[in-house]
Amino acid sequence: MAKIRLTKEFNFEMAHALWNYDGLCKNIHGHSYKLLVTVIGEAITDKKNPKLGMVMDFSDLKQIVKKEITEKYDHSIVLSKDAQQLQIQNIAQMFGRMEISEYQPTCENLILDFAMKLKNQLPAKVQLHSLKLYETSTSYAEWYASDNE
C-alpha cells in the first residue's frame, strides 16, 4: 500500500514572555500562531468502514488538536515555571487563561511539547509525520518524526 500524508492547518493567538532572556521577548507579547500538523498512513481499504479511502478523517484530527493544543493555548499567556508569576496570577480579569510550562515557552520548546501531546492520540495505523509552528509570518520551527527516531 502507498503511504499518504495529510496536513491540516490550525491558527491560535497566544502570549508569552521568556524568563531571564536578554532581548525584547522578555516582555509579555503575543503572536498569531499557525500550526501545520502532518500525519502519515495508508488509506482505509475496508469497504464496510465509513472512512473508506481515508488515512484519517480531517475532523478527527481537528478534534485531537483542539483537545490537546488549541483549547489550552488559544488566548492564553504561557510562562515558564521559573518566572515569578504569583503576582499576576491574582489578576484573574487579565490573566485567567495562564499556562505555566515546565520549559521556556520558545517556538522550539512549544513544538516539541505539541509533538509529544499529539503522537499518542492518533489512530493506531496513523503516525505523526511532522509539525510546523509559525510564530510570525516569517519565523517558524519544524519537527519531523524521522529526525527523532
N, C-alpha and C. Protein backbone atom coordinates (compact mmCIF):
# COMPACT_ATOMS: atom_id res chain seq x y z
N MET A 1 0.84 -1.20 0.00
CA MET A 1 0.00 0.00 0.00
C MET A 1 0.87 1.25 0.00
N ALA A 2 0.30 2.29 -0.50
CA ALA A 2 1.00 3.57 -0.58
C ALA A 2 0.77 4.39 0.69
N LYS A 3 1.82 5.01 1.15
CA LYS A 3 1.72 5.93 2.28
C LYS A 3 1.26 7.29 1.77
N ILE A 4 0.38 7.90 2.52
CA ILE A 4 -0.15 9.21 2.16
C ILE A 4 -0.02 10.13 3.37
N ARG A 5 0.36 11.36 3.11
CA ARG A 5 0.46 12.37 4.17
C ARG A 5 -0.73 13.31 4.08
N LEU A 6 -1.31 13.60 5.24
CA LEU A 6 -2.38 14.58 5.34
C LEU A 6 -1.90 15.73 6.21
N THR A 7 -2.24 16.94 5.83
CA THR A 7 -1.85 18.12 6.62
C THR A 7 -3.08 18.97 6.88
N LYS A 8 -3.20 19.41 8.11
CA LYS A 8 -4.28 20.34 8.49
C LYS A 8 -3.63 21.52 9.19
N GLU A 9 -4.16 22.70 8.91
CA GLU A 9 -3.64 23.95 9.47
C GLU A 9 -4.55 24.42 10.61
N PHE A 10 -3.92 24.91 11.66
CA PHE A 10 -4.64 25.45 12.82
C PHE A 10 -4.06 26.81 13.16
N ASN A 11 -4.92 27.72 13.61
CA ASN A 11 -4.50 29.06 13.98
C ASN A 11 -4.98 29.37 15.38
N PHE A 12 -4.10 30.01 16.16
CA PHE A 12 -4.48 30.43 17.51
C PHE A 12 -3.63 31.62 17.94
N GLU A 13 -4.16 32.36 18.88
CA GLU A 13 -3.49 33.54 19.43
C GLU A 13 -2.95 33.17 20.81
N MET A 14 -1.70 33.55 21.06
CA MET A 14 -1.11 33.20 22.35
C MET A 14 -0.08 34.25 22.72
N ALA A 15 0.01 34.54 24.00
CA ALA A 15 1.04 35.44 24.51
C ALA A 15 2.04 34.63 25.32
N HIS A 16 3.24 35.15 25.39
CA HIS A 16 4.25 34.53 26.23
C HIS A 16 5.30 35.57 26.58
N ALA A 17 6.19 35.22 27.48
CA ALA A 17 7.36 36.02 27.83
C ALA A 17 8.46 35.03 28.14
N LEU A 18 9.68 35.38 27.79
CA LEU A 18 10.81 34.48 28.01
C LEU A 18 11.57 34.93 29.25
N TRP A 19 11.50 34.11 30.28
CA TRP A 19 12.12 34.41 31.56
C TRP A 19 13.64 34.48 31.42
N ASN A 20 14.21 35.56 31.95
CA ASN A 20 15.66 35.74 32.02
C ASN A 20 16.30 35.87 30.63
N TYR A 21 15.51 36.23 29.63
CA TYR A 21 16.02 36.40 28.27
C TYR A 21 16.69 37.77 28.15
N ASP A 22 17.64 37.90 27.22
CA ASP A 22 18.39 39.14 27.09
C ASP A 22 17.92 40.04 25.94
N GLY A 23 16.70 39.83 25.49
CA GLY A 23 16.17 40.65 24.40
C GLY A 23 14.74 41.09 24.68
N LEU A 24 14.09 41.64 23.67
CA LEU A 24 12.73 42.18 23.83
C LEU A 24 11.71 41.12 24.25
N CYS A 25 11.94 39.87 23.90
CA CYS A 25 10.96 38.81 24.21
C CYS A 25 10.87 38.48 25.69
N LYS A 26 11.65 39.17 26.53
CA LYS A 26 11.50 39.02 27.98
C LYS A 26 10.20 39.68 28.44
N ASN A 27 9.65 40.55 27.60
CA ASN A 27 8.40 41.24 27.90
C ASN A 27 7.22 40.43 27.39
N ILE A 28 6.09 40.52 28.07
CA ILE A 28 4.88 39.84 27.62
C ILE A 28 4.50 40.39 26.25
N HIS A 29 4.29 39.47 25.31
CA HIS A 29 3.88 39.85 23.96
C HIS A 29 3.13 38.67 23.35
N GLY A 30 2.42 38.92 22.27
CA GLY A 30 1.61 37.87 21.67
C GLY A 30 1.97 37.61 20.23
N HIS A 31 1.51 36.45 19.77
CA HIS A 31 1.71 36.04 18.38
C HIS A 31 0.42 35.44 17.85
N SER A 32 0.26 35.52 16.54
CA SER A 32 -0.78 34.78 15.84
C SER A 32 -0.10 33.53 15.29
N TYR A 33 -0.21 32.43 16.03
CA TYR A 33 0.47 31.19 15.67
C TYR A 33 -0.29 30.46 14.57
N LYS A 34 0.47 29.81 13.70
CA LYS A 34 -0.09 28.91 12.70
C LYS A 34 0.62 27.57 12.89
N LEU A 35 -0.15 26.52 13.10
CA LEU A 35 0.39 25.18 13.31
C LEU A 35 -0.07 24.29 12.17
N LEU A 36 0.89 23.68 11.47
CA LEU A 36 0.58 22.70 10.43
C LEU A 36 0.91 21.32 10.97
N VAL A 37 -0.09 20.46 11.01
CA VAL A 37 0.06 19.10 11.54
C VAL A 37 -0.04 18.13 10.36
N THR A 38 1.00 17.33 10.17
CA THR A 38 1.02 16.35 9.08
C THR A 38 1.10 14.95 9.67
N VAL A 39 0.17 14.12 9.27
CA VAL A 39 0.17 12.71 9.67
C VAL A 39 0.42 11.87 8.44
N ILE A 40 0.81 10.61 8.66
CA ILE A 40 1.10 9.72 7.54
C ILE A 40 0.51 8.34 7.83
N GLY A 41 0.00 7.71 6.80
CA GLY A 41 -0.56 6.38 6.93
C GLY A 41 -1.07 5.88 5.59
N GLU A 42 -1.75 4.76 5.64
CA GLU A 42 -2.34 4.18 4.43
C GLU A 42 -3.85 4.41 4.46
N ALA A 43 -4.41 4.64 3.30
CA ALA A 43 -5.86 4.83 3.21
C ALA A 43 -6.58 3.54 3.60
N ILE A 44 -7.70 3.67 4.26
CA ILE A 44 -8.53 2.53 4.68
C ILE A 44 -9.12 1.87 3.43
N THR A 45 -9.00 0.55 3.36
CA THR A 45 -9.49 -0.18 2.18
C THR A 45 -10.70 -1.06 2.49
N ASP A 46 -11.08 -1.15 3.74
CA ASP A 46 -12.23 -1.95 4.15
C ASP A 46 -13.52 -1.26 3.67
N LYS A 47 -14.21 -1.90 2.72
CA LYS A 47 -15.40 -1.29 2.13
C LYS A 47 -16.55 -1.13 3.12
N LYS A 48 -16.49 -1.80 4.25
CA LYS A 48 -17.53 -1.66 5.28
C LYS A 48 -17.24 -0.50 6.23
N ASN A 49 -16.05 0.02 6.16
CA ASN A 49 -15.64 1.11 7.05
C ASN A 49 -16.16 2.44 6.48
N PRO A 50 -16.87 3.24 7.28
CA PRO A 50 -17.37 4.52 6.78
C PRO A 50 -16.26 5.51 6.41
N LYS A 51 -15.04 5.21 6.81
CA LYS A 51 -13.89 6.08 6.49
C LYS A 51 -13.11 5.52 5.29
N LEU A 52 -13.74 4.69 4.49
CA LEU A 52 -13.12 4.10 3.30
C LEU A 52 -12.42 5.17 2.47
N GLY A 53 -11.18 4.89 2.11
CA GLY A 53 -10.41 5.81 1.27
C GLY A 53 -9.67 6.89 2.03
N MET A 54 -9.87 6.97 3.35
CA MET A 54 -9.22 8.00 4.16
C MET A 54 -8.06 7.41 4.95
N VAL A 55 -7.01 8.18 5.12
CA VAL A 55 -5.97 7.85 6.08
C VAL A 55 -6.52 8.14 7.47
N MET A 56 -7.16 9.29 7.56
CA MET A 56 -7.78 9.76 8.80
C MET A 56 -8.77 10.84 8.44
N ASP A 57 -9.86 10.89 9.11
CA ASP A 57 -10.86 11.93 8.87
C ASP A 57 -10.29 13.26 9.38
N PHE A 58 -10.30 14.29 8.53
CA PHE A 58 -9.80 15.60 8.94
C PHE A 58 -10.49 16.11 10.20
N SER A 59 -11.78 15.81 10.34
CA SER A 59 -12.49 16.28 11.53
C SER A 59 -12.01 15.57 12.79
N ASP A 60 -11.56 14.32 12.68
CA ASP A 60 -10.97 13.63 13.83
C ASP A 60 -9.64 14.27 14.22
N LEU A 61 -8.83 14.61 13.23
CA LEU A 61 -7.57 15.29 13.51
C LEU A 61 -7.83 16.65 14.16
N LYS A 62 -8.83 17.34 13.67
CA LYS A 62 -9.19 18.65 14.23
C LYS A 62 -9.56 18.51 15.71
N GLN A 63 -10.33 17.49 16.05
CA GLN A 63 -10.75 17.30 17.44
C GLN A 63 -9.56 16.98 18.34
N ILE A 64 -8.60 16.21 17.86
CA ILE A 64 -7.42 15.88 18.65
C ILE A 64 -6.58 17.13 18.92
N VAL A 65 -6.34 17.92 17.88
CA VAL A 65 -5.54 19.13 18.04
C VAL A 65 -6.27 20.14 18.92
N LYS A 66 -7.57 20.23 18.76
CA LYS A 66 -8.36 21.12 19.60
C LYS A 66 -8.21 20.73 21.08
N LYS A 67 -8.38 19.45 21.36
CA LYS A 67 -8.32 18.97 22.75
C LYS A 67 -6.92 19.13 23.35
N GLU A 68 -5.90 18.79 22.59
CA GLU A 68 -4.53 18.78 23.11
C GLU A 68 -3.83 20.13 23.07
N ILE A 69 -4.23 21.01 22.14
CA ILE A 69 -3.46 22.25 21.95
C ILE A 69 -4.33 23.51 21.97
N THR A 70 -5.22 23.65 21.00
CA THR A 70 -5.86 24.96 20.84
C THR A 70 -6.78 25.34 21.99
N GLU A 71 -7.50 24.39 22.57
CA GLU A 71 -8.35 24.73 23.72
C GLU A 71 -7.52 25.25 24.88
N LYS A 72 -6.33 24.74 25.04
CA LYS A 72 -5.46 25.10 26.16
C LYS A 72 -4.72 26.41 25.89
N TYR A 73 -4.20 26.57 24.68
CA TYR A 73 -3.28 27.68 24.41
C TYR A 73 -3.91 28.90 23.74
N ASP A 74 -5.05 28.75 23.07
CA ASP A 74 -5.64 29.90 22.39
C ASP A 74 -6.04 30.97 23.40
N HIS A 75 -5.58 32.18 23.16
CA HIS A 75 -5.85 33.33 24.02
C HIS A 75 -5.37 33.10 25.46
N SER A 76 -4.25 32.39 25.58
CA SER A 76 -3.62 32.18 26.87
C SER A 76 -2.28 32.90 26.90
N ILE A 77 -1.77 33.06 28.11
CA ILE A 77 -0.39 33.50 28.28
C ILE A 77 0.38 32.32 28.83
N VAL A 78 1.54 32.05 28.25
CA VAL A 78 2.36 30.92 28.66
C VAL A 78 3.67 31.45 29.24
N LEU A 79 3.95 31.00 30.45
CA LEU A 79 5.17 31.40 31.15
C LEU A 79 5.89 30.17 31.67
N SER A 80 7.19 30.27 31.76
CA SER A 80 7.99 29.21 32.36
C SER A 80 7.70 29.13 33.85
N LYS A 81 7.78 27.93 34.40
CA LYS A 81 7.60 27.76 35.85
C LYS A 81 8.66 28.52 36.63
N ASP A 82 9.76 28.87 35.97
CA ASP A 82 10.83 29.61 36.63
C ASP A 82 10.52 31.10 36.77
N ALA A 83 9.54 31.59 36.03
CA ALA A 83 9.16 33.00 36.12
C ALA A 83 8.41 33.25 37.42
N GLN A 84 8.53 34.45 37.91
CA GLN A 84 7.83 34.80 39.15
C GLN A 84 6.42 35.26 38.81
N GLN A 85 5.52 34.29 38.60
CA GLN A 85 4.18 34.59 38.11
C GLN A 85 3.13 34.74 39.20
N LEU A 86 3.49 34.57 40.45
CA LEU A 86 2.49 34.57 41.52
C LEU A 86 1.68 35.85 41.57
N GLN A 87 2.30 36.99 41.39
CA GLN A 87 1.57 38.25 41.47
C GLN A 87 0.55 38.40 40.35
N ILE A 88 0.91 38.04 39.13
CA ILE A 88 -0.04 38.22 38.03
C ILE A 88 -1.15 37.16 38.05
N GLN A 89 -0.91 36.03 38.70
CA GLN A 89 -1.97 35.02 38.80
C GLN A 89 -3.17 35.55 39.57
N ASN A 90 -2.96 36.56 40.40
CA ASN A 90 -4.04 37.12 41.20
C ASN A 90 -4.88 38.13 40.42
N ILE A 91 -4.51 38.44 39.21
CA ILE A 91 -5.28 39.37 38.37
C ILE A 91 -6.09 38.54 37.38
N ALA A 92 -7.15 37.93 37.85
CA ALA A 92 -7.93 36.99 37.04
C ALA A 92 -8.55 37.64 35.81
N GLN A 93 -8.89 38.92 35.89
CA GLN A 93 -9.53 39.58 34.76
C GLN A 93 -8.64 39.56 33.52
N MET A 94 -7.34 39.70 33.71
CA MET A 94 -6.43 39.77 32.57
C MET A 94 -5.62 38.49 32.37
N PHE A 95 -5.49 37.69 33.40
CA PHE A 95 -4.63 36.52 33.32
C PHE A 95 -5.38 35.24 33.72
N GLY A 96 -6.65 35.17 33.36
CA GLY A 96 -7.46 34.00 33.68
C GLY A 96 -7.09 32.76 32.88
N ARG A 97 -6.43 32.96 31.75
CA ARG A 97 -6.00 31.83 30.92
C ARG A 97 -4.48 31.83 30.87
N MET A 98 -3.89 31.35 31.95
CA MET A 98 -2.44 31.29 32.05
C MET A 98 -2.01 29.84 32.12
N GLU A 99 -0.99 29.51 31.35
CA GLU A 99 -0.39 28.18 31.39
C GLU A 99 1.04 28.32 31.88
N ILE A 100 1.36 27.56 32.89
CA ILE A 100 2.72 27.54 33.40
C ILE A 100 3.38 26.28 32.86
N SER A 101 4.45 26.47 32.10
CA SER A 101 5.10 25.33 31.45
C SER A 101 6.35 24.92 32.22
N GLU A 102 6.75 23.70 31.99
CA GLU A 102 7.98 23.16 32.58
C GLU A 102 9.21 23.69 31.85
N TYR A 103 9.00 24.41 30.77
CA TYR A 103 10.09 24.84 29.89
C TYR A 103 9.93 26.31 29.53
N GLN A 104 10.98 26.88 28.99
CA GLN A 104 10.93 28.23 28.44
C GLN A 104 10.02 28.18 27.20
N PRO A 105 8.95 28.98 27.13
CA PRO A 105 7.98 28.84 26.03
C PRO A 105 8.43 29.45 24.71
N THR A 106 9.53 28.94 24.20
CA THR A 106 10.01 29.34 22.87
C THR A 106 9.25 28.54 21.81
N CYS A 107 9.35 28.97 20.59
CA CYS A 107 8.73 28.25 19.48
C CYS A 107 9.27 26.82 19.42
N GLU A 108 10.57 26.66 19.66
CA GLU A 108 11.21 25.34 19.61
C GLU A 108 10.66 24.41 20.69
N ASN A 109 10.55 24.91 21.91
CA ASN A 109 10.04 24.08 23.00
C ASN A 109 8.55 23.80 22.87
N LEU A 110 7.80 24.77 22.38
CA LEU A 110 6.37 24.55 22.16
C LEU A 110 6.15 23.43 21.16
N ILE A 111 6.89 23.43 20.05
CA ILE A 111 6.66 22.41 19.02
C ILE A 111 7.03 21.01 19.54
N LEU A 112 8.07 20.92 20.37
CA LEU A 112 8.41 19.62 20.99
C LEU A 112 7.28 19.14 21.89
N ASP A 113 6.74 20.04 22.69
CA ASP A 113 5.63 19.70 23.57
C ASP A 113 4.41 19.27 22.76
N PHE A 114 4.10 20.00 21.70
CA PHE A 114 2.94 19.66 20.86
C PHE A 114 3.12 18.28 20.22
N ALA A 115 4.33 17.98 19.77
CA ALA A 115 4.58 16.67 19.15
C ALA A 115 4.32 15.55 20.16
N MET A 116 4.80 15.72 21.38
CA MET A 116 4.59 14.68 22.40
C MET A 116 3.11 14.53 22.73
N LYS A 117 2.38 15.63 22.76
CA LYS A 117 0.94 15.59 23.06
C LYS A 117 0.15 14.89 21.95
N LEU A 118 0.53 15.11 20.70
CA LEU A 118 -0.25 14.59 19.57
C LEU A 118 0.09 13.15 19.20
N LYS A 119 1.35 12.75 19.34
CA LYS A 119 1.80 11.43 18.89
C LYS A 119 0.94 10.30 19.41
N ASN A 120 0.60 10.34 20.66
CA ASN A 120 -0.10 9.22 21.29
C ASN A 120 -1.62 9.30 21.17
N GLN A 121 -2.13 10.33 20.53
CA GLN A 121 -3.58 10.49 20.42
C GLN A 121 -4.13 10.07 19.05
N LEU A 122 -3.24 9.72 18.14
CA LEU A 122 -3.66 9.38 16.77
C LEU A 122 -4.16 7.94 16.68
N PRO A 123 -4.99 7.65 15.68
CA PRO A 123 -5.46 6.27 15.48
C PRO A 123 -4.28 5.31 15.29
N ALA A 124 -4.54 4.04 15.50
CA ALA A 124 -3.49 3.01 15.54
C ALA A 124 -2.57 3.00 14.33
N LYS A 125 -3.07 3.12 13.14
CA LYS A 125 -2.24 2.98 11.94
C LYS A 125 -1.82 4.32 11.34
N VAL A 126 -1.96 5.38 12.12
CA VAL A 126 -1.59 6.72 11.67
C VAL A 126 -0.48 7.24 12.58
N GLN A 127 0.56 7.78 11.96
CA GLN A 127 1.67 8.34 12.74
C GLN A 127 1.78 9.84 12.49
N LEU A 128 2.30 10.52 13.50
CA LEU A 128 2.62 11.93 13.33
C LEU A 128 3.88 12.01 12.48
N HIS A 129 3.79 12.70 11.36
CA HIS A 129 4.92 12.82 10.44
C HIS A 129 5.73 14.08 10.74
N SER A 130 5.04 15.23 10.86
CA SER A 130 5.76 16.48 11.08
C SER A 130 4.83 17.55 11.61
N LEU A 131 5.45 18.55 12.20
CA LEU A 131 4.76 19.76 12.66
C LEU A 131 5.55 20.96 12.17
N LYS A 132 4.85 22.01 11.86
CA LYS A 132 5.47 23.29 11.55
C LYS A 132 4.70 24.34 12.34
N LEU A 133 5.41 25.08 13.18
CA LEU A 133 4.78 26.09 14.02
C LEU A 133 5.33 27.46 13.65
N TYR A 134 4.46 28.29 13.05
CA TYR A 134 4.82 29.66 12.72
C TYR A 134 4.54 30.54 13.93
N GLU A 135 5.57 31.25 14.39
CA GLU A 135 5.40 32.21 15.47
C GLU A 135 5.07 33.58 14.87
N THR A 136 5.65 33.86 13.72
CA THR A 136 5.31 35.04 12.92
C THR A 136 5.18 34.56 11.48
N SER A 137 4.83 35.46 10.60
CA SER A 137 4.65 35.05 9.20
C SER A 137 5.97 34.65 8.54
N THR A 138 7.10 35.02 9.15
CA THR A 138 8.39 34.72 8.54
C THR A 138 9.29 33.86 9.43
N SER A 139 8.80 33.44 10.59
CA SER A 139 9.63 32.66 11.53
C SER A 139 8.87 31.45 12.03
N TYR A 140 9.49 30.27 11.91
CA TYR A 140 8.82 29.05 12.34
C TYR A 140 9.83 28.01 12.79
N ALA A 141 9.32 27.01 13.52
CA ALA A 141 10.11 25.84 13.91
C ALA A 141 9.45 24.63 13.27
N GLU A 142 10.27 23.60 12.97
CA GLU A 142 9.77 22.37 12.38
C GLU A 142 10.19 21.18 13.23
N TRP A 143 9.32 20.19 13.28
CA TRP A 143 9.60 18.92 13.96
C TRP A 143 9.26 17.80 12.99
N TYR A 144 10.19 16.84 12.82
CA TYR A 144 9.95 15.67 11.97
C TYR A 144 10.16 14.40 12.79
N ALA A 145 9.24 13.47 12.67
CA ALA A 145 9.38 12.20 13.37
C ALA A 145 10.68 11.51 12.99
N SER A 146 11.04 11.56 11.72
CA SER A 146 12.24 10.87 11.24
C SER A 146 13.51 11.42 11.88
N ASP A 147 13.50 12.67 12.32
CA ASP A 147 14.66 13.25 12.99
C ASP A 147 14.74 12.82 14.45
N ASN A 148 13.66 12.25 14.96
CA ASN A 148 13.56 11.97 16.39
C ASN A 148 13.37 10.50 16.69
N GLU A 149 13.79 9.64 15.79
CA GLU A 149 13.63 8.19 15.99
C GLU A 149 14.81 7.61 16.76
